[in-house]
Amino acid sequence: QRRHVSGESLSKNEIIRNSDEIRDLFQNGNLIHLRGFSVYGKPALKTRACFIVSKKAGNAVFRNKIKRWFREVFRKNKTLFAELDVMFYVSGKQDTSQLSFHHILDELKMVDLH
């Protein structure tokens, strides 16, 4: 039986899926390069996120694992991303060998996305 912690869910309306919004975030968002991944952030009325991992980063199992880590970090630490549209991006050019759930969390806690 799953237990639901209030405020730690990730609803469909908290995920950016519209390609125009994603393109706008790429072009107009503030870019922060971290070890193994990049984060784009842009002020917004409500907190939302998208998770993009390039096919060059690895096979489907690895890419899905990275996206699961990003979703979990976002879901459990929404206060870090308050009133932002955020895109977590991993390209094939970045070193993904060091990526782990705790690495992602530690890197994000050290930067101010606002």
PDB file of N, CA and C in Angstrom:
ATOM      1  N   GLN A   1       0.842  -1.176   0.000  1.00  0.00           N
ATOM      2  CA  GLN A   1       0.000   0.000   0.000  1.00  0.00           C
ATOM      3  C   GLN A   1       0.888   1.241   0.000  1.00  0.00           C
ATOM      4  N   ARG A   2       0.624   2.158  -0.918  1.00  0.00           N
ATOM      5  CA  ARG A   2       1.408   3.378  -1.022  1.00  0.00           C
ATOM      6  C   ARG A   2       0.878   4.429  -0.070  1.00  0.00           C
ATOM      7  N   ARG A   3       1.793   5.157   0.485  1.00  0.00           N
ATOM      8  CA  ARG A   3       1.411   6.259   1.372  1.00  0.00           C
ATOM      9  C   ARG A   3       1.687   7.557   0.646  1.00  0.00           C
ATOM     10  N   HIS A   4       0.732   8.440   0.674  1.00  0.00           N
ATOM     11  CA  HIS A   4       0.844   9.721  -0.014  1.00  0.00           C
ATOM     12  C   HIS A   4       1.227  10.802   0.988  1.00  0.00           C
ATOM     13  N   VAL A   5       2.374  11.438   0.761  1.00  0.00           N
ATOM     14  CA  VAL A   5       2.798  12.541   1.606  1.00  0.00           C
ATOM     15  C   VAL A   5       2.286  13.826   0.965  1.00  0.00           C
ATOM     16  N   SER A   6       1.586  14.617   1.727  1.00  0.00           N
ATOM     17  CA  SER A   6       0.987  15.841   1.208  1.00  0.00           C
ATOM     18  C   SER A   6       2.050  16.767   0.623  1.00  0.00           C
ATOM     19  N   GLY A   7       1.798  17.262  -0.595  1.00  0.00           N
ATOM     20  CA  GLY A   7       2.707  18.190  -1.238  1.00  0.00           C
ATOM     21  C   GLY A   7       3.847  17.541  -1.994  1.00  0.00           C
ATOM     22  N   GLU A   8       3.981  16.228  -1.907  1.00  0.00           N
ATOM     23  CA  GLU A   8       5.079  15.547  -2.587  1.00  0.00           C
ATOM     24  C   GLU A   8       4.620  14.753  -3.796  1.00  0.00           C
ATOM     25  N   SER A   9       3.471  15.073  -4.320  1.00  0.00           N
ATOM     26  CA  SER A   9       3.021  14.375  -5.520  1.00  0.00           C
ATOM     27  C   SER A   9       3.531  15.119  -6.743  1.00  0.00           C
ATOM     28  N   LEU A  10       3.415  14.502  -7.884  1.00  0.00           N
ATOM     29  CA  LEU A  10       3.786  15.137  -9.148  1.00  0.00           C
ATOM     30  C   LEU A  10       2.618  14.928 -10.101  1.00  0.00           C
ATOM     31  N   SER A  11       1.774  15.957 -10.197  1.00  0.00           N
ATOM     32  CA  SER A  11       0.582  15.836 -11.028  1.00  0.00           C
ATOM     33  C   SER A  11       0.907  16.151 -12.484  1.00  0.00           C
ATOM     34  N   LYS A  12       0.012  15.796 -13.361  1.00  0.00           N
ATOM     35  CA  LYS A  12       0.213  16.020 -14.793  1.00  0.00           C
ATOM     36  C   LYS A  12       0.358  17.490 -15.137  1.00  0.00           C
ATOM     37  N   ASN A  13      -0.342  18.361 -14.416  1.00  0.00           N
ATOM     38  CA  ASN A  13      -0.254  19.790 -14.745  1.00  0.00           C
ATOM     39  C   ASN A  13       1.031  20.427 -14.215  1.00  0.00           C
ATOM     40  N   GLU A  14       1.875  19.667 -13.536  1.00  0.00           N
ATOM     41  CA  GLU A  14       3.173  20.164 -13.092  1.00  0.00           C
ATOM     42  C   GLU A  14       4.292  19.788 -14.066  1.00  0.00           C
ATOM     43  N   ILE A  15       3.949  19.100 -15.137  1.00  0.00           N
ATOM     44  CA  ILE A  15       4.930  18.687 -16.136  1.00  0.00           C
ATOM     45  C   ILE A  15       4.694  19.458 -17.422  1.00  0.00           C
ATOM     46  N   ILE A  16       5.756  20.061 -17.947  1.00  0.00           N
ATOM     47  CA  ILE A  16       5.668  20.806 -19.201  1.00  0.00           C
ATOM     48  C   ILE A  16       5.801  19.814 -20.352  1.00  0.00           C
ATOM     49  N   ARG A  17       4.786  19.747 -21.206  1.00  0.00           N
ATOM     50  CA  ARG A  17       4.811  18.822 -22.338  1.00  0.00           C
ATOM     51  C   ARG A  17       4.694  19.540 -23.682  1.00  0.00           C
ATOM     52  N   ASN A  18       4.237  20.775 -23.658  1.00  0.00           N
ATOM     53  CA  ASN A  18       4.024  21.541 -24.880  1.00  0.00           C
ATOM     54  C   ASN A  18       5.371  21.916 -25.502  1.00  0.00           C
ATOM     55  N   SER A  19       5.574  21.569 -26.772  1.00  0.00           N
ATOM     56  CA  SER A  19       6.871  21.811 -27.418  1.00  0.00           C
ATOM     57  C   SER A  19       7.187  23.295 -27.534  1.00  0.00           C
ATOM     58  N   ASP A  20       6.171  24.145 -27.700  1.00  0.00           N
ATOM     59  CA  ASP A  20       6.416  25.591 -27.763  1.00  0.00           C
ATOM     60  C   ASP A  20       6.926  26.124 -26.419  1.00  0.00           C
ATOM     61  N   GLU A  21       6.371  25.614 -25.327  1.00  0.00           N
ATOM     62  CA  GLU A  21       6.825  26.040 -24.004  1.00  0.00           C
ATOM     63  C   GLU A  21       8.242  25.542 -23.729  1.00  0.00           C
ATOM     64  N   ILE A  22       8.546  24.327 -24.172  1.00  0.00           N
ATOM     65  CA  ILE A  22       9.890  23.781 -24.000  1.00  0.00           C
ATOM     66  C   ILE A  22      10.895  24.591 -24.814  1.00  0.00           C
ATOM     67  N   ARG A  23      10.539  24.926 -26.036  1.00  0.00           N
ATOM     68  CA  ARG A  23      11.409  25.735 -26.895  1.00  0.00           C
ATOM     69  C   ARG A  23      11.645  27.109 -26.267  1.00  0.00           C
ATOM     70  N   ASP A  24      10.590  27.711 -25.712  1.00  0.00           N
ATOM     71  CA  ASP A  24      10.710  29.007 -25.061  1.00  0.00           C
ATOM     72  C   ASP A  24      11.645  28.928 -23.850  1.00  0.00           C
ATOM     73  N   LEU A  25      11.549  27.846 -23.113  1.00  0.00           N
ATOM     74  CA  LEU A  25      12.420  27.648 -21.952  1.00  0.00           C
ATOM     75  C   LEU A  25      13.874  27.506 -22.390  1.00  0.00           C
ATOM     76  N   PHE A  26      14.113  26.764 -23.486  1.00  0.00           N
ATOM     77  CA  PHE A  26      15.467  26.628 -24.046  1.00  0.00           C
ATOM     78  C   PHE A  26      16.017  27.993 -24.445  1.00  0.00           C
ATOM     79  N   GLN A  27      15.213  28.781 -25.131  1.00  0.00           N
ATOM     80  CA  GLN A  27      15.689  30.041 -25.700  1.00  0.00           C
ATOM     81  C   GLN A  27      15.762  31.178 -24.689  1.00  0.00           C
ATOM     82  N   ASN A  28      14.830  31.247 -23.764  1.00  0.00           N
ATOM     83  CA  ASN A  28      14.732  32.396 -22.867  1.00  0.00           C
ATOM     84  C   ASN A  28      15.011  32.089 -21.397  1.00  0.00           C
ATOM     85  N   GLY A  29      15.225  30.836 -21.078  1.00  0.00           N
ATOM     86  CA  GLY A  29      15.462  30.477 -19.685  1.00  0.00           C
ATOM     87  C   GLY A  29      16.900  30.728 -19.265  1.00  0.00           C
ATOM     88  N   ASN A  30      17.109  30.879 -17.966  1.00  0.00           N
ATOM     89  CA  ASN A  30      18.458  31.012 -17.421  1.00  0.00           C
ATOM     90  C   ASN A  30      19.100  29.631 -17.394  1.00  0.00           C
ATOM     91  N   LEU A  31      20.281  29.523 -17.975  1.00  0.00           N
ATOM     92  CA  LEU A  31      20.972  28.230 -18.086  1.00  0.00           C
ATOM     93  C   LEU A  31      22.031  28.123 -17.004  1.00  0.00           C
ATOM     94  N   ILE A  32      22.024  26.991 -16.301  1.00  0.00           N
ATOM     95  CA  ILE A  32      23.056  26.690 -15.315  1.00  0.00           C
ATOM     96  C   ILE A  32      23.635  25.327 -15.673  1.00  0.00           C
ATOM     97  N   HIS A  33      24.950  25.285 -15.907  1.00  0.00           N
ATOM     98  CA  HIS A  33      25.630  24.022 -16.185  1.00  0.00           C
ATOM     99  C   HIS A  33      26.116  23.433 -14.867  1.00  0.00           C
ATOM    100  N   LEU A  34      25.753  22.196 -14.623  1.00  0.00           N
ATOM    101  CA  LEU A  34      26.212  21.480 -13.440  1.00  0.00           C
ATOM    102  C   LEU A  34      26.961  20.239 -13.900  1.00  0.00           C
ATOM    103  N   ARG A  35      27.600  19.542 -12.978  1.00  0.00           N
ATOM    104  CA  ARG A  35      28.361  18.352 -13.370  1.00  0.00           C
ATOM    105  C   ARG A  35      27.411  17.247 -13.825  1.00  0.00           C
ATOM    106  N   GLY A  36      27.418  16.976 -15.118  1.00  0.00           N
ATOM    107  CA  GLY A  36      26.629  15.883 -15.669  1.00  0.00           C
ATOM    108  C   GLY A  36      25.303  16.288 -16.281  1.00  0.00           C
ATOM    109  N   PHE A  37      24.836  17.501 -15.997  1.00  0.00           N
ATOM    110  CA  PHE A  37      23.549  17.928 -16.543  1.00  0.00           C
ATOM    111  C   PHE A  37      23.435  19.444 -16.517  1.00  0.00           C
ATOM    112  N   SER A  38      22.414  19.960 -17.164  1.00  0.00           N
ATOM    113  CA  SER A  38      22.140  21.391 -17.195  1.00  0.00           C
ATOM    114  C   SER A  38      20.713  21.630 -16.719  1.00  0.00           C
ATOM    115  N   VAL A  39      20.480  22.833 -16.213  1.00  0.00           N
ATOM    116  CA  VAL A  39      19.149  23.211 -15.753  1.00  0.00           C
ATOM    117  C   VAL A  39      18.799  24.563 -16.364  1.00  0.00           C
ATOM    118  N   TYR A  40      17.633  24.624 -16.968  1.00  0.00           N
ATOM    119  CA  TYR A  40      17.092  25.878 -17.476  1.00  0.00           C
ATOM    120  C   TYR A  40      15.974  26.295 -16.531  1.00  0.00           C
ATOM    121  N   GLY A  41      15.954  27.570 -16.151  1.00  0.00           N
ATOM    122  CA  GLY A  41      14.902  28.056 -15.266  1.00  0.00           C
ATOM    123  C   GLY A  41      14.353  29.378 -15.755  1.00  0.00           C
ATOM    124  N   LYS A  42      13.059  29.558 -15.568  1.00  0.00           N
ATOM    125  CA  LYS A  42      12.399  30.782 -16.008  1.00  0.00           C
ATOM    126  C   LYS A  42      11.257  31.072 -15.033  1.00  0.00           C
ATOM    127  N   PRO A  43      11.123  32.327 -14.575  1.00  0.00           N
ATOM    128  CA  PRO A  43      10.030  32.646 -13.655  1.00  0.00           C
ATOM    129  C   PRO A  43       8.657  32.290 -14.259  1.00  0.00           C
ATOM    130  N   ALA A  44       7.779  31.808 -13.415  1.00  0.00           N
ATOM    131  CA  ALA A  44       6.437  31.405 -13.850  1.00  0.00           C
ATOM    132  C   ALA A  44       5.465  31.585 -12.694  1.00  0.00           C
ATOM    133  N   LEU A  45       4.194  31.502 -13.008  1.00  0.00           N
ATOM    134  CA  LEU A  45       3.170  31.653 -11.977  1.00  0.00           C
ATOM    135  C   LEU A  45       3.084  30.445 -11.068  1.00  0.00           C
ATOM    136  N   LYS A  46       3.332  29.268 -11.631  1.00  0.00           N
ATOM    137  CA  LYS A  46       3.314  28.060 -10.816  1.00  0.00           C
ATOM    138  C   LYS A  46       4.532  27.209 -11.154  1.00  0.00           C
ATOM    139  N   THR A  47       4.874  26.313 -10.274  1.00  0.00           N
ATOM    140  CA  THR A  47       6.058  25.484 -10.422  1.00  0.00           C
ATOM    141  C   THR A  47       5.772  24.318 -11.363  1.00  0.00           C
ATOM    142  N   ARG A  48       6.570  24.234 -12.442  1.00  0.00           N
ATOM    143  CA  ARG A  48       6.424  23.130 -13.393  1.00  0.00           C
ATOM    144  C   ARG A  48       7.807  22.684 -13.852  1.00  0.00           C
ATOM    145  N   ALA A  49       7.888  21.492 -14.426  1.00  0.00           N
ATOM    146  CA  ALA A  49       9.182  20.982 -14.864  1.00  0.00           C
ATOM    147  C   ALA A  49       9.038  20.099 -16.096  1.00  0.00           C
ATOM    148  N   CYS A  50      10.154  19.970 -16.818  1.00  0.00           N
ATOM    149  CA  CYS A  50      10.246  18.957 -17.871  1.00  0.00           C
ATOM    150  C   CYS A  50      11.608  18.294 -17.758  1.00  0.00           C
ATOM    151  N   PHE A  51      11.702  17.090 -18.264  1.00  0.00           N
ATOM    152  CA  PHE A  51      12.879  16.257 -18.078  1.00  0.00           C
ATOM    153  C   PHE A  51      13.298  15.731 -19.441  1.00  0.00           C
ATOM    154  N   ILE A  52      14.478  16.154 -19.918  1.00  0.00           N
ATOM    155  CA  ILE A  52      14.924  15.778 -21.254  1.00  0.00           C
ATOM    156  C   ILE A  52      16.296  15.133 -21.155  1.00  0.00           C
ATOM    157  N   VAL A  53      16.416  13.930 -21.708  1.00  0.00           N
ATOM    158  CA  VAL A  53      17.690  13.224 -21.759  1.00  0.00           C
ATOM    159  C   VAL A  53      17.921  12.810 -23.202  1.00  0.00           C
ATOM    160  N   SER A  54      19.026  13.267 -23.768  1.00  0.00           N
ATOM    161  CA  SER A  54      19.358  12.980 -25.153  1.00  0.00           C
ATOM    162  C   SER A  54      19.598  11.483 -25.366  1.00  0.00           C
ATOM    163  N   LYS A  55      19.271  10.999 -26.543  1.00  0.00           N
ATOM    164  CA  LYS A  55      19.521   9.600 -26.871  1.00  0.00           C
ATOM    165  C   LYS A  55      21.008   9.272 -26.845  1.00  0.00           C
ATOM    166  N   LYS A  56      21.839  10.298 -27.038  1.00  0.00           N
ATOM    167  CA  LYS A  56      23.286  10.093 -27.022  1.00  0.00           C
ATOM    168  C   LYS A  56      23.825   9.834 -25.621  1.00  0.00           C
ATOM    169  N   ALA A  57      22.993  10.057 -24.604  1.00  0.00           N
ATOM    170  CA  ALA A  57      23.421   9.872 -23.214  1.00  0.00           C
ATOM    171  C   ALA A  57      23.520   8.397 -22.837  1.00  0.00           C
ATOM    172  N   GLY A  58      22.832   7.532 -23.558  1.00  0.00           N
ATOM    173  CA  GLY A  58      22.881   6.108 -23.233  1.00  0.00           C
ATOM    174  C   GLY A  58      21.648   5.395 -23.746  1.00  0.00           C
ATOM    175  N   ASN A  59      21.537   4.142 -23.355  1.00  0.00           N
ATOM    176  CA  ASN A  59      20.389   3.363 -23.826  1.00  0.00           C
ATOM    177  C   ASN A  59      19.110   3.764 -23.088  1.00  0.00           C
ATOM    178  N   ALA A  60      17.989   3.230 -23.528  1.00  0.00           N
ATOM    179  CA  ALA A  60      16.681   3.636 -22.997  1.00  0.00           C
ATOM    180  C   ALA A  60      16.569   3.379 -21.493  1.00  0.00           C
ATOM    181  N   VAL A  61      17.121   2.286 -21.018  1.00  0.00           N
ATOM    182  CA  VAL A  61      17.042   1.971 -19.598  1.00  0.00           C
ATOM    183  C   VAL A  61      17.762   3.043 -18.786  1.00  0.00           C
ATOM    184  N   PHE A  62      18.949   3.432 -19.223  1.00  0.00           N
ATOM    185  CA  PHE A  62      19.726   4.465 -18.526  1.00  0.00           C
ATOM    186  C   PHE A  62      19.031   5.821 -18.593  1.00  0.00           C
ATOM    187  N   ARG A  63      18.518   6.186 -19.764  1.00  0.00           N
ATOM    188  CA  ARG A  63      17.832   7.475 -19.916  1.00  0.00           C
ATOM    189  C   ARG A  63      16.600   7.547 -19.014  1.00  0.00           C
ATOM    190  N   ASN A  64      15.838   6.472 -18.960  1.00  0.00           N
ATOM    191  CA  ASN A  64      14.636   6.454 -18.114  1.00  0.00           C
ATOM    192  C   ASN A  64      14.999   6.530 -16.627  1.00  0.00           C
ATOM    193  N   LYS A  65      16.103   5.893 -16.251  1.00  0.00           N
ATOM    194  CA  LYS A  65      16.545   5.955 -14.862  1.00  0.00           C
ATOM    195  C   LYS A  65      16.904   7.390 -14.480  1.00  0.00           C
ATOM    196  N   ILE A  66      17.607   8.095 -15.360  1.00  0.00           N
ATOM    197  CA  ILE A  66      17.972   9.489 -15.093  1.00  0.00           C
ATOM    198  C   ILE A  66      16.710  10.342 -14.949  1.00  0.00           C
ATOM    199  N   LYS A  67      15.737  10.133 -15.841  1.00  0.00           N
ATOM    200  CA  LYS A  67      14.496  10.915 -15.759  1.00  0.00           C
ATOM    201  C   LYS A  67      13.744  10.615 -14.462  1.00  0.00           C
ATOM    202  N   ARG A  68      13.764   9.355 -14.019  1.00  0.00           N
ATOM    203  CA  ARG A  68      13.129   9.006 -12.741  1.00  0.00           C
ATOM    204  C   ARG A  68      13.814   9.735 -11.591  1.00  0.00           C
ATOM    205  N   TRP A  69      15.140   9.815 -11.615  1.00  0.00           N
ATOM    206  CA  TRP A  69      15.867  10.534 -10.564  1.00  0.00           C
ATOM    207  C   TRP A  69      15.490  12.011 -10.556  1.00  0.00           C
ATOM    208  N   PHE A  70      15.459  12.630 -11.744  1.00  0.00           N
ATOM    209  CA  PHE A  70      15.100  14.041 -11.827  1.00  0.00           C
ATOM    210  C   PHE A  70      13.675  14.275 -11.322  1.00  0.00           C
ATOM    211  N   ARG A  71      12.734  13.413 -11.722  1.00  0.00           N
ATOM    212  CA  ARG A  71      11.347  13.567 -11.254  1.00  0.00           C
ATOM    213  C   ARG A  71      11.268  13.458  -9.736  1.00  0.00           C
ATOM    214  N   GLU A  72      12.008  12.523  -9.174  1.00  0.00           N
ATOM    215  CA  GLU A  72      11.990  12.325  -7.724  1.00  0.00           C
ATOM    216  C   GLU A  72      12.586  13.532  -7.000  1.00  0.00           C
ATOM    217  N   VAL A  73      13.704  14.052  -7.491  1.00  0.00           N
ATOM    218  CA  VAL A  73      14.314  15.242  -6.886  1.00  0.00           C
ATOM    219  C   VAL A  73      13.342  16.414  -6.957  1.00  0.00           C
ATOM    220  N   PHE A  74      12.720  16.604  -8.109  1.00  0.00           N
ATOM    221  CA  PHE A  74      11.762  17.697  -8.264  1.00  0.00           C
ATOM    222  C   PHE A  74      10.571  17.510  -7.329  1.00  0.00           C
ATOM    223  N   ARG A  75      10.044  16.313  -7.290  1.00  0.00           N
ATOM    224  CA  ARG A  75       8.853  16.018  -6.495  1.00  0.00           C
ATOM    225  C   ARG A  75       9.104  16.248  -5.003  1.00  0.00           C
ATOM    226  N   LYS A  76      10.261  15.850  -4.508  1.00  0.00           N
ATOM    227  CA  LYS A  76      10.537  15.950  -3.075  1.00  0.00           C
ATOM    228  C   LYS A  76      11.117  17.297  -2.654  1.00  0.00           C
ATOM    229  N   ASN A  77      11.531  18.133  -3.629  1.00  0.00           N
ATOM    230  CA  ASN A  77      12.186  19.402  -3.295  1.00  0.00           C
ATOM    231  C   ASN A  77      11.588  20.558  -4.076  1.00  0.00           C
ATOM    232  N   LYS A  78      10.283  20.626  -4.142  1.00  0.00           N
ATOM    233  CA  LYS A  78       9.613  21.680  -4.920  1.00  0.00           C
ATOM    234  C   LYS A  78       9.922  23.076  -4.414  1.00  0.00           C
ATOM    235  N   THR A  79      10.296  23.204  -3.155  1.00  0.00           N
ATOM    236  CA  THR A  79      10.613  24.536  -2.630  1.00  0.00           C
ATOM    237  C   THR A  79      11.849  25.129  -3.302  1.00  0.00           C
ATOM    238  N   LEU A  80      12.760  24.284  -3.790  1.00  0.00           N
ATOM    239  CA  LEU A  80      13.941  24.773  -4.516  1.00  0.00           C
ATOM    240  C   LEU A  80      13.544  25.435  -5.832  1.00  0.00           C
ATOM    241  N   PHE A  81      12.395  25.034  -6.373  1.00  0.00           N
ATOM    242  CA  PHE A  81      11.975  25.483  -7.702  1.00  0.00           C
ATOM    243  C   PHE A  81      10.708  26.331  -7.654  1.00  0.00           C
ATOM    244  N   ALA A  82      10.425  26.957  -6.521  1.00  0.00           N
ATOM    245  CA  ALA A  82       9.180  27.706  -6.336  1.00  0.00           C
ATOM    246  C   ALA A  82       9.010  28.771  -7.416  1.00  0.00           C
ATOM    247  N   GLU A  83       7.821  28.772  -8.010  1.00  0.00           N
ATOM    248  CA  GLU A  83       7.428  29.737  -9.050  1.00  0.00           C
ATOM    249  C   GLU A  83       8.418  29.801 -10.212  1.00  0.00           C
ATOM    250  N   LEU A  84       8.848  28.630 -10.654  1.00  0.00           N
ATOM    251  CA  LEU A  84       9.739  28.518 -11.810  1.00  0.00           C
ATOM    252  C   LEU A  84       9.237  27.452 -12.765  1.00  0.00           C
ATOM    253  N   ASP A  85       9.473  27.685 -14.047  1.00  0.00           N
ATOM    254  CA  ASP A  85       9.421  26.606 -15.021  1.00  0.00           C
ATOM    255  C   ASP A  85      10.860  26.109 -15.115  1.00  0.00           C
ATOM    256  N   VAL A  86      11.064  24.832 -14.915  1.00  0.00           N
ATOM    257  CA  VAL A  86      12.412  24.270 -14.864  1.00  0.00           C
ATOM    258  C   VAL A  86      12.529  23.146 -15.881  1.00  0.00           C
ATOM    259  N   MET A  87      13.677  23.099 -16.584  1.00  0.00           N
ATOM    260  CA  MET A  87      13.956  21.991 -17.491  1.00  0.00           C
ATOM    261  C   MET A  87      15.276  21.364 -17.066  1.00  0.00           C
ATOM    262  N   PHE A  88      15.235  20.077 -16.785  1.00  0.00           N
ATOM    263  CA  PHE A  88      16.431  19.309 -16.494  1.00  0.00           C
ATOM    264  C   PHE A  88      16.870  18.673 -17.808  1.00  0.00           C
ATOM    265  N   TYR A  89      18.111  18.929 -18.207  1.00  0.00           N
ATOM    266  CA  TYR A  89      18.560  18.511 -19.532  1.00  0.00           C
ATOM    267  C   TYR A  89      19.898  17.783 -19.437  1.00  0.00           C
ATOM    268  N   VAL A  90      19.950  16.605 -20.023  1.00  0.00           N
ATOM    269  CA  VAL A  90      21.194  15.846 -20.119  1.00  0.00           C
ATOM    270  C   VAL A  90      21.462  15.615 -21.592  1.00  0.00           C
ATOM    271  N   SER A  91      22.602  16.143 -22.071  1.00  0.00           N
ATOM    272  CA  SER A  91      22.963  15.930 -23.470  1.00  0.00           C
ATOM    273  C   SER A  91      23.946  14.766 -23.542  1.00  0.00           C
ATOM    274  N   GLY A  92      24.204  14.305 -24.724  1.00  0.00           N
ATOM    275  CA  GLY A  92      25.150  13.213 -24.908  1.00  0.00           C
ATOM    276  C   GLY A  92      26.582  13.644 -24.696  1.00  0.00           C
ATOM    277  N   LYS A  93      26.833  14.952 -24.697  1.00  0.00           N
ATOM    278  CA  LYS A  93      28.193  15.471 -24.559  1.00  0.00           C
ATOM    279  C   LYS A  93      28.638  15.535 -23.101  1.00  0.00           C
ATOM    280  N   GLN A  94      27.696  15.507 -22.176  1.00  0.00           N
ATOM    281  CA  GLN A  94      28.034  15.634 -20.760  1.00  0.00           C
ATOM    282  C   GLN A  94      28.418  14.272 -20.186  1.00  0.00           C
ATOM    283  N   ASP A  95      29.304  14.290 -19.213  1.00  0.00           N
ATOM    284  CA  ASP A  95      29.747  13.062 -18.559  1.00  0.00           C
ATOM    285  C   ASP A  95      28.654  12.589 -17.601  1.00  0.00           C
ATOM    286  N   THR A  96      27.999  11.507 -17.952  1.00  0.00           N
ATOM    287  CA  THR A  96      26.887  11.002 -17.148  1.00  0.00           C
ATOM    288  C   THR A  96      27.320   9.883 -16.204  1.00  0.00           C
ATOM    289  N   SER A  97      28.606   9.546 -16.206  1.00  0.00           N
ATOM    290  CA  SER A  97      29.072   8.437 -15.365  1.00  0.00           C
ATOM    291  C   SER A  97      28.931   8.742 -13.878  1.00  0.00           C
ATOM    292  N   GLN A  98      28.961  10.032 -13.505  1.00  0.00           N
ATOM    293  CA  GLN A  98      28.868  10.420 -12.101  1.00  0.00           C
ATOM    294  C   GLN A  98      27.430  10.631 -11.625  1.00  0.00           C
ATOM    295  N   LEU A  99      26.455  10.553 -12.542  1.00  0.00           N
ATOM    296  CA  LEU A  99      25.075  10.855 -12.161  1.00  0.00           C
ATOM    297  C   LEU A  99      24.496   9.796 -11.230  1.00  0.00           C
ATOM    298  N   SER A 100      23.847  10.277 -10.195  1.00  0.00           N
ATOM    299  CA  SER A 100      23.081   9.436  -9.287  1.00  0.00           C
ATOM    300  C   SER A 100      22.033  10.332  -8.655  1.00  0.00           C
ATOM    301  N   PHE A 101      21.091   9.750  -7.981  1.00  0.00           N
ATOM    302  CA  PHE A 101      20.045  10.538  -7.328  1.00  0.00           C
ATOM    303  C   PHE A 101      20.666  11.554  -6.370  1.00  0.00           C
ATOM    304  N   HIS A 102      21.605  11.102  -5.543  1.00  0.00           N
ATOM    305  CA  HIS A 102      22.199  11.986  -4.539  1.00  0.00           C
ATOM    306  C   HIS A 102      23.097  13.051  -5.173  1.00  0.00           C
ATOM    307  N   HIS A 103      23.782  12.708  -6.263  1.00  0.00           N
ATOM    308  CA  HIS A 103      24.600  13.698  -6.970  1.00  0.00           C
ATOM    309  C   HIS A 103      23.715  14.818  -7.516  1.00  0.00           C
ATOM    310  N   ILE A 104      22.604  14.455  -8.131  1.00  0.00           N
ATOM    311  CA  ILE A 104      21.676  15.453  -8.687  1.00  0.00           C
ATOM    312  C   ILE A 104      21.156  16.359  -7.570  1.00  0.00           C
ATOM    313  N   LEU A 105      20.730  15.765  -6.485  1.00  0.00           N
ATOM    314  CA  LEU A 105      20.195  16.525  -5.359  1.00  0.00           C
ATOM    315  C   LEU A 105      21.251  17.469  -4.781  1.00  0.00           C
ATOM    316  N   ASP A 106      22.463  16.980  -4.564  1.00  0.00           N
ATOM    317  CA  ASP A 106      23.527  17.816  -4.010  1.00  0.00           C
ATOM    318  C   ASP A 106      23.876  18.984  -4.923  1.00  0.00           C
ATOM    319  N   GLU A 107      23.954  18.726  -6.231  1.00  0.00           N
ATOM    320  CA  GLU A 107      24.279  19.783  -7.187  1.00  0.00           C
ATOM    321  C   GLU A 107      23.190  20.872  -7.183  1.00  0.00           C
ATOM    322  N   LEU A 108      21.930  20.455  -7.155  1.00  0.00           N
ATOM    323  CA  LEU A 108      20.830  21.426  -7.211  1.00  0.00           C
ATOM    324  C   LEU A 108      20.716  22.250  -5.930  1.00  0.00           C
ATOM    325  N   LYS A 109      21.083  21.662  -4.792  1.00  0.00           N
ATOM    326  CA  LYS A 109      21.003  22.395  -3.534  1.00  0.00           C
ATOM    327  C   LYS A 109      22.081  23.473  -3.438  1.00  0.00           C
ATOM    328  N   MET A 110      23.142  23.362  -4.248  1.00  0.00           N
ATOM    329  CA  MET A 110      24.232  24.337  -4.185  1.00  0.00           C
ATOM    330  C   MET A 110      23.997  25.573  -5.048  1.00  0.00           C
ATOM    331  N   VAL A 111      22.994  25.548  -5.927  1.00  0.00           N
ATOM    332  CA  VAL A 111      22.771  26.692  -6.823  1.00  0.00           C
ATOM    333  C   VAL A 111      21.441  27.369  -6.515  1.00  0.00           C
ATOM    334  N   ASP A 112      21.377  28.644  -6.874  1.00  0.00           N
ATOM    335  CA  ASP A 112      20.134  29.400  -6.750  1.00  0.00           C
ATOM    336  C   ASP A 112      19.558  29.572  -8.143  1.00  0.00           C
ATOM    337  N   LEU A 113      18.441  28.964  -8.404  1.00  0.00           N
ATOM    338  CA  LEU A 113      17.831  29.003  -9.734  1.00  0.00           C
ATOM    339  C   LEU A 113      17.010  30.264  -9.967  1.00  0.00           C
ATOM    340  N   HIS A 114      16.743  31.021  -8.920  1.00  0.00           N
ATOM    341  CA  HIS A 114      15.914  32.221  -9.070  1.00  0.00           C
ATOM    342  C   HIS A 114      16.735  33.321  -9.560  1.00  0.00           C
TER     343      HIS A 114
END
